[in-house]
Amino acid sequence: MRIRLDIAYDGTHFRGWARQPGLRTVQGTIEDAVTRILGGSPRLVVAGRTDAGVHASGQVAHLDLDDDQVARLRARRPRRRDREAGPDAADAAPDAGDAVAALAGRIAGVLGQYPDVVVSRTSTAPEGFDARFSATSRRYEYRIADTETGYDPLERHRTTTVRASLDVAAMDAAARSLIGLHDFAAYCKPRDEATTIRTLLEFDWRRDAQRTVVAHVRADAFCHSMVRALVGACVAVGEGRLAPRDVVDLRDEGVRTSEFKVLAARGLTLTEVGYPADDLLAARAVQTRNRRDAE
């Protein structure tokens, strides 16, 4: 049985998504909770690994259960109203779909009150669904407080402070000029044998109702540190240290540069993972795996 998990977390006190020995991570925290409920050695496959300090409101993962775990999932204790309905109702195994949907609440019970990670929904995954390879896009938001915004201590864990008055129109022009299929090596932290070719689908800047400067960026996938580097280049434009055209020239040079800073993780939130229609999930997963193998 494959289960889809929809997840949100405050990344402030996590050392990223991926399980690491001796460190507190999002994956490790959720997997440990599932182990307490279902036993075994559950392993989550995630749509997009996030770095230390990065948040998520729309993360997606999947989990495969073996037969013993499925049995424990369905053998959960009956609710009080089931027991009051009589022994037949209390002894009956819950419907598989109901048991899967209830898993999110059971995980919440293990994580305790006011956790910094929540599994907001658990559902039976459609045929062919792969949280990572079936995804068609990932969307992020980056939040900045400049001198016009001012400092709000209640927003400090999800907003990066820039001590300048940013030209948001220039930042928006720079961002939009980067959209398309390109090699983003200049905006990625290099990894051995990993491609830096990506399709940037959307990238824009605006001020919200609180005057916070907000970026929305969506791509088919992102390489390591790519969003924070793109944001850093646009902030350099907003400060007047780079011209909007410079971000394209730097991209086309294809080399990491010190012309801009990679901004802090605290301002970054994964807000959405896009998937095709259910009947296209398996084909999308095959297509993505084949492309990654070729790259």
Protein backbone atom coordinates (compact mmCIF):
# COMPACT_ATOMS: atom_id res chain seq x y z
CA MET A 1 0.00 0.00 0.00
CA ARG A 2 1.36 3.43 -0.96
CA ILE A 3 0.21 6.44 1.06
CA ARG A 4 0.51 10.11 0.13
CA LEU A 5 1.37 12.50 2.96
CA ASP A 6 0.78 16.26 2.76
CA ILE A 7 3.17 17.99 5.15
CA ALA A 8 3.89 21.42 6.61
CA TYR A 9 6.73 22.46 8.90
CA ASP A 10 8.62 25.34 10.45
CA GLY A 11 12.19 24.54 9.45
CA THR A 12 13.83 26.76 12.06
CA HIS A 13 14.91 23.97 14.39
CA PHE A 14 15.36 21.20 11.80
CA ARG A 15 18.65 20.35 10.10
CA GLY A 16 16.82 20.02 6.82
CA TRP A 17 14.53 17.35 5.42
CA ALA A 18 16.81 14.33 5.01
CA ARG A 19 17.44 11.93 7.87
CA GLN A 20 20.95 12.34 9.32
CA PRO A 21 22.48 10.37 12.20
CA GLY A 22 22.33 12.30 15.46
CA LEU A 23 20.53 15.31 13.96
CA ARG A 24 16.90 16.41 14.15
CA THR A 25 15.36 16.38 10.67
CA VAL A 26 11.84 16.50 9.26
CA GLN A 27 12.10 13.06 7.67
CA GLY A 28 13.49 11.48 10.81
CA THR A 29 10.80 13.04 13.01
CA ILE A 30 7.91 11.81 10.86
CA GLU A 31 9.41 8.37 10.25
CA ASP A 32 9.96 7.88 13.98
CA ALA A 33 6.30 8.80 14.62
CA VAL A 34 5.10 6.32 11.97
CA THR A 35 7.32 3.61 13.47
CA ARG A 36 5.62 4.05 16.84
CA ILE A 37 2.22 3.62 15.19
CA LEU A 38 2.84 0.96 12.53
CA GLY A 39 6.19 -0.60 13.41
CA GLY A 40 8.80 -1.61 10.88
CA SER A 41 11.29 0.78 9.26
CA PRO A 42 9.21 3.27 7.24
CA ARG A 43 11.05 5.39 4.69
CA LEU A 44 9.53 8.50 3.16
CA VAL A 45 10.15 9.57 -0.44
CA VAL A 46 9.78 13.35 -0.69
CA ALA A 47 8.93 15.67 -3.58
CA GLY A 48 11.71 18.12 -2.75
CA ARG A 49 14.39 17.95 -0.08
CA THR A 50 14.65 21.23 1.81
CA ASP A 51 17.80 22.57 3.46
CA ALA A 52 18.27 23.43 7.13
CA GLY A 53 16.02 26.33 8.11
CA VAL A 54 13.74 26.14 5.05
CA HIS A 55 10.01 25.90 5.75
CA ALA A 56 7.16 24.16 3.94
CA SER A 57 3.41 24.65 3.74
CA GLY A 58 2.86 22.31 0.77
CA GLN A 59 5.43 19.51 0.99
CA VAL A 60 4.43 16.07 -0.35
CA ALA A 61 5.89 12.63 0.36
CA HIS A 62 4.89 9.01 -0.10
CA LEU A 63 5.27 5.97 2.11
CA ASP A 64 5.04 2.28 1.18
CA LEU A 65 3.60 -0.05 3.80
CA ASP A 66 4.30 -3.78 4.04
CA ASP A 67 1.60 -6.31 4.96
CA ASP A 68 2.34 -6.14 8.70
CA GLN A 69 2.10 -2.35 8.67
CA VAL A 70 -1.16 -2.47 6.75
CA ALA A 71 -2.57 -4.87 9.33
CA ARG A 72 -1.57 -2.55 12.17
CA LEU A 73 -3.02 0.40 10.29
CA ARG A 74 -6.41 -1.29 10.04
CA ALA A 75 -6.34 -2.69 13.58
CA ARG A 76 -6.46 0.69 15.27
CA ARG A 77 -8.47 1.01 18.48
CA PRO A 78 -12.16 1.71 17.83
CA ARG A 79 -13.53 5.13 18.66
CA ARG A 80 -15.79 5.58 21.69
CA ARG A 81 -18.97 5.81 19.62
CA ASP A 82 -18.03 2.53 17.89
CA ARG A 83 -17.68 0.80 21.27
CA GLU A 84 -21.00 2.22 22.42
CA ALA A 85 -22.65 0.85 19.26
CA GLY A 86 -21.91 -2.68 20.42
CA PRO A 87 -19.30 -5.41 20.11
CA ASP A 88 -19.84 -6.01 16.41
CA ALA A 89 -19.11 -2.38 15.59
CA ALA A 90 -16.17 -2.20 17.98
CA ASP A 91 -14.55 -5.35 16.64
CA ALA A 92 -14.96 -4.53 12.97
CA ALA A 93 -11.80 -3.49 11.17
CA PRO A 94 -12.09 0.03 9.77
CA ASP A 95 -12.39 0.55 6.06
CA ALA A 96 -8.92 0.82 4.49
CA GLY A 97 -9.61 4.31 3.20
CA ASP A 98 -10.82 5.49 6.60
CA ALA A 99 -7.78 3.96 8.28
CA VAL A 100 -5.42 5.72 5.88
CA ALA A 101 -7.20 9.06 6.38
CA ALA A 102 -7.00 8.61 10.16
CA LEU A 103 -3.24 8.09 10.06
CA ALA A 104 -2.61 11.85 9.93
CA GLY A 105 -4.41 12.26 13.25
CA ARG A 106 -2.50 9.39 14.81
CA ILE A 107 0.79 10.96 13.75
CA ALA A 108 -0.37 14.25 15.29
CA GLY A 109 -1.04 12.41 18.54
CA VAL A 110 2.53 11.11 18.62
CA LEU A 111 4.08 14.48 17.71
CA GLY A 112 2.23 16.17 20.58
CA GLN A 113 0.74 19.62 21.07
CA TYR A 114 2.15 22.55 19.08
CA PRO A 115 4.69 20.57 17.01
CA ASP A 116 6.82 22.33 14.39
CA VAL A 117 5.86 19.71 11.79
CA VAL A 118 2.42 18.38 10.89
CA VAL A 119 1.11 15.78 8.48
CA SER A 120 -2.01 17.64 7.44
CA ARG A 121 -3.46 14.84 5.30
CA THR A 122 -2.87 11.17 4.54
CA SER A 123 -4.53 9.49 1.58
CA THR A 124 -4.24 6.36 -0.52
CA ALA A 125 -1.91 7.26 -3.40
CA PRO A 126 -3.35 6.91 -6.92
CA GLU A 127 -1.93 4.22 -9.17
CA GLY A 128 1.49 5.24 -10.47
CA PHE A 129 1.99 8.06 -7.96
CA ASP A 130 5.57 8.88 -6.96
CA ALA A 131 5.97 11.95 -4.76
CA ARG A 132 9.33 12.81 -6.32
CA PHE A 133 9.28 11.60 -9.90
CA SER A 134 5.61 12.24 -10.73
CA ALA A 135 5.91 15.91 -9.77
CA THR A 136 5.75 18.43 -12.60
CA SER A 137 6.71 21.53 -10.59
CA ARG A 138 7.70 22.94 -7.22
CA ARG A 139 6.67 26.41 -6.06
CA TYR A 140 8.49 28.48 -3.43
CA GLU A 141 7.88 31.80 -1.71
CA TYR A 142 10.65 34.02 -0.36
CA ARG A 143 9.89 36.85 2.09
CA ILE A 144 12.07 39.91 2.73
CA ALA A 145 11.65 42.81 5.14
CA ASP A 146 13.54 45.88 3.91
CA THR A 147 13.71 49.35 5.47
CA GLU A 148 10.28 50.21 4.04
CA THR A 149 8.71 47.09 5.58
CA GLY A 150 10.27 47.46 9.01
CA TYR A 151 11.07 44.66 11.42
CA ASP A 152 8.29 42.47 12.86
CA PRO A 153 9.56 40.09 15.57
CA LEU A 154 6.59 37.78 15.00
CA GLU A 155 7.74 37.24 11.39
CA ARG A 156 11.43 36.76 12.14
CA HIS A 157 11.47 32.98 11.59
CA ARG A 158 10.09 33.20 8.04
CA THR A 159 11.36 36.56 6.81
CA THR A 160 14.89 37.68 5.94
CA THR A 161 15.89 41.25 6.80
CA VAL A 162 17.68 43.41 4.21
CA ARG A 163 18.91 46.79 5.45
CA ALA A 164 18.11 48.74 2.30
CA SER A 165 15.12 50.16 0.46
CA LEU A 166 14.59 47.70 -2.37
CA ASP A 167 13.50 48.66 -5.89
CA VAL A 168 10.88 45.94 -6.32
CA ALA A 169 10.05 46.92 -9.92
CA ALA A 170 13.68 46.37 -10.95
CA MET A 171 13.78 43.07 -9.06
CA ASP A 172 10.61 41.92 -10.81
CA ALA A 173 12.03 42.80 -14.23
CA ALA A 174 15.23 40.88 -13.46
CA ALA A 175 13.29 37.85 -12.24
CA ARG A 176 11.04 37.67 -15.28
CA SER A 177 14.05 37.86 -17.62
CA LEU A 178 15.32 34.54 -16.21
CA ILE A 179 12.18 32.52 -17.04
CA GLY A 180 12.61 29.59 -19.43
CA LEU A 181 14.73 26.51 -20.03
CA HIS A 182 18.36 27.35 -19.23
CA ASP A 183 21.52 26.11 -17.57
CA PHE A 184 21.43 27.68 -14.10
CA ALA A 185 24.93 26.59 -13.04
CA ALA A 186 25.70 30.17 -11.95
CA TYR A 187 22.81 29.95 -9.48
CA CYS A 188 23.39 26.44 -8.11
CA LYS A 189 25.75 24.91 -5.59
CA PRO A 190 27.55 22.27 -7.68
CA ARG A 191 27.06 18.57 -7.00
CA ASP A 192 28.95 15.79 -8.71
CA GLU A 193 27.13 14.39 -11.76
CA ALA A 194 24.04 16.55 -11.12
CA THR A 195 22.57 18.58 -13.96
CA THR A 196 21.96 22.31 -13.55
CA ILE A 197 19.56 22.58 -16.51
CA ARG A 198 16.13 23.59 -15.30
CA THR A 199 12.91 25.11 -16.63
CA LEU A 200 12.03 28.20 -14.62
CA LEU A 201 8.27 28.51 -15.11
CA GLU A 202 7.45 31.58 -13.00
CA PHE A 203 9.49 34.18 -11.13
CA ASP A 204 8.14 37.53 -9.90
CA TRP A 205 8.37 40.02 -7.03
CA ARG A 206 5.77 42.21 -5.33
CA ARG A 207 4.96 43.85 -2.00
CA ASP A 208 2.11 42.33 0.00
CA ALA A 209 -0.42 44.19 2.15
CA GLN A 210 2.16 44.53 4.97
CA ARG A 211 4.74 45.90 2.49
CA THR A 212 6.83 42.76 2.81
CA VAL A 213 8.77 42.02 -0.39
CA VAL A 214 7.68 38.59 -1.64
CA ALA A 215 9.05 36.42 -4.44
CA HIS A 216 7.08 33.63 -6.09
CA VAL A 217 9.19 31.16 -8.04
CA ARG A 218 8.13 27.92 -9.74
CA ALA A 219 10.19 25.45 -11.76
CA ASP A 220 10.05 21.85 -12.89
CA ALA A 221 12.76 21.22 -10.28
CA PHE A 222 15.50 23.15 -8.48
CA CYS A 223 19.16 22.39 -7.95
CA HIS A 224 20.88 22.88 -4.61
CA SER A 225 20.57 26.48 -3.26
CA MET A 226 19.09 27.65 -6.58
CA VAL A 227 16.13 29.60 -5.18
CA ARG A 228 18.19 31.42 -2.56
CA ALA A 229 20.82 32.30 -5.17
CA LEU A 230 18.18 33.63 -7.60
CA VAL A 231 16.71 35.68 -4.78
CA GLY A 232 20.16 36.99 -3.82
CA ALA A 233 20.84 38.16 -7.38
CA CYS A 234 17.50 39.99 -7.51
CA VAL A 235 18.17 41.65 -4.15
CA ALA A 236 21.48 42.92 -5.57
CA VAL A 237 19.40 44.44 -8.38
CA GLY A 238 16.98 45.94 -5.86
CA GLU A 239 19.89 47.52 -4.00
CA GLY A 240 21.31 48.96 -7.23
CA ARG A 241 24.47 46.84 -7.15
CA LEU A 242 23.44 44.96 -10.32
CA ALA A 243 21.34 45.99 -13.31
CA PRO A 244 18.36 43.80 -14.31
CA ARG A 245 20.23 42.69 -17.44
CA ASP A 246 23.20 41.51 -15.34
CA VAL A 247 21.30 38.53 -13.93
CA VAL A 248 20.91 37.11 -17.44
CA ASP A 249 24.56 37.76 -18.30
CA LEU A 250 25.67 36.00 -15.11
CA ARG A 251 23.39 33.07 -15.90
CA ASP A 252 24.78 32.74 -19.41
CA GLU A 253 28.37 32.81 -18.14
CA GLY A 254 27.51 29.64 -16.23
CA VAL A 255 29.99 30.14 -13.39
CA ARG A 256 29.37 30.74 -9.69
CA THR A 257 30.19 34.33 -8.79
CA SER A 258 30.63 36.60 -5.77
CA GLU A 259 28.58 39.38 -7.44
CA PHE A 260 25.65 38.57 -5.13
CA LYS A 261 24.93 36.76 -1.87
CA VAL A 262 22.97 33.55 -1.45
CA LEU A 263 20.30 34.66 0.99
CA ALA A 264 19.41 32.95 4.26
CA ALA A 265 17.17 29.89 4.44
CA ARG A 266 14.78 31.50 6.93
CA GLY A 267 12.88 33.46 4.26
CA LEU A 268 12.15 30.44 2.07
CA THR A 269 9.00 28.30 2.10
CA LEU A 270 8.00 25.43 -0.21
CA THR A 271 4.36 26.22 -0.87
CA GLU A 272 3.20 23.77 -3.54
CA VAL A 273 4.13 20.64 -5.49
CA GLY A 274 2.36 20.22 -8.82
CA TYR A 275 1.25 16.86 -10.27
CA PRO A 276 -0.49 15.84 -13.50
CA ALA A 277 -3.88 14.13 -13.68
CA ASP A 278 -4.00 10.71 -12.02
CA ASP A 279 -3.93 8.83 -15.33
CA LEU A 280 -0.64 10.56 -16.24
CA LEU A 281 1.21 10.00 -12.96
CA ALA A 282 3.01 6.80 -13.95
CA ALA A 283 4.06 8.14 -17.35
CA ARG A 284 5.39 11.31 -15.73
CA ALA A 285 7.45 9.27 -13.26
CA VAL A 286 8.98 7.20 -16.08
CA GLN A 287 9.72 10.35 -18.10
CA THR A 288 11.44 12.04 -15.16
CA ARG A 289 13.55 8.99 -14.30
CA ASN A 290 14.64 8.60 -17.92
CA ARG A 291 15.62 12.27 -18.12
CA ARG A 292 17.60 12.09 -14.87
CA ASP A 293 19.40 8.95 -16.10
CA ALA A 294 20.28 10.65 -19.38
CA GLU A 295 21.54 13.75 -17.58
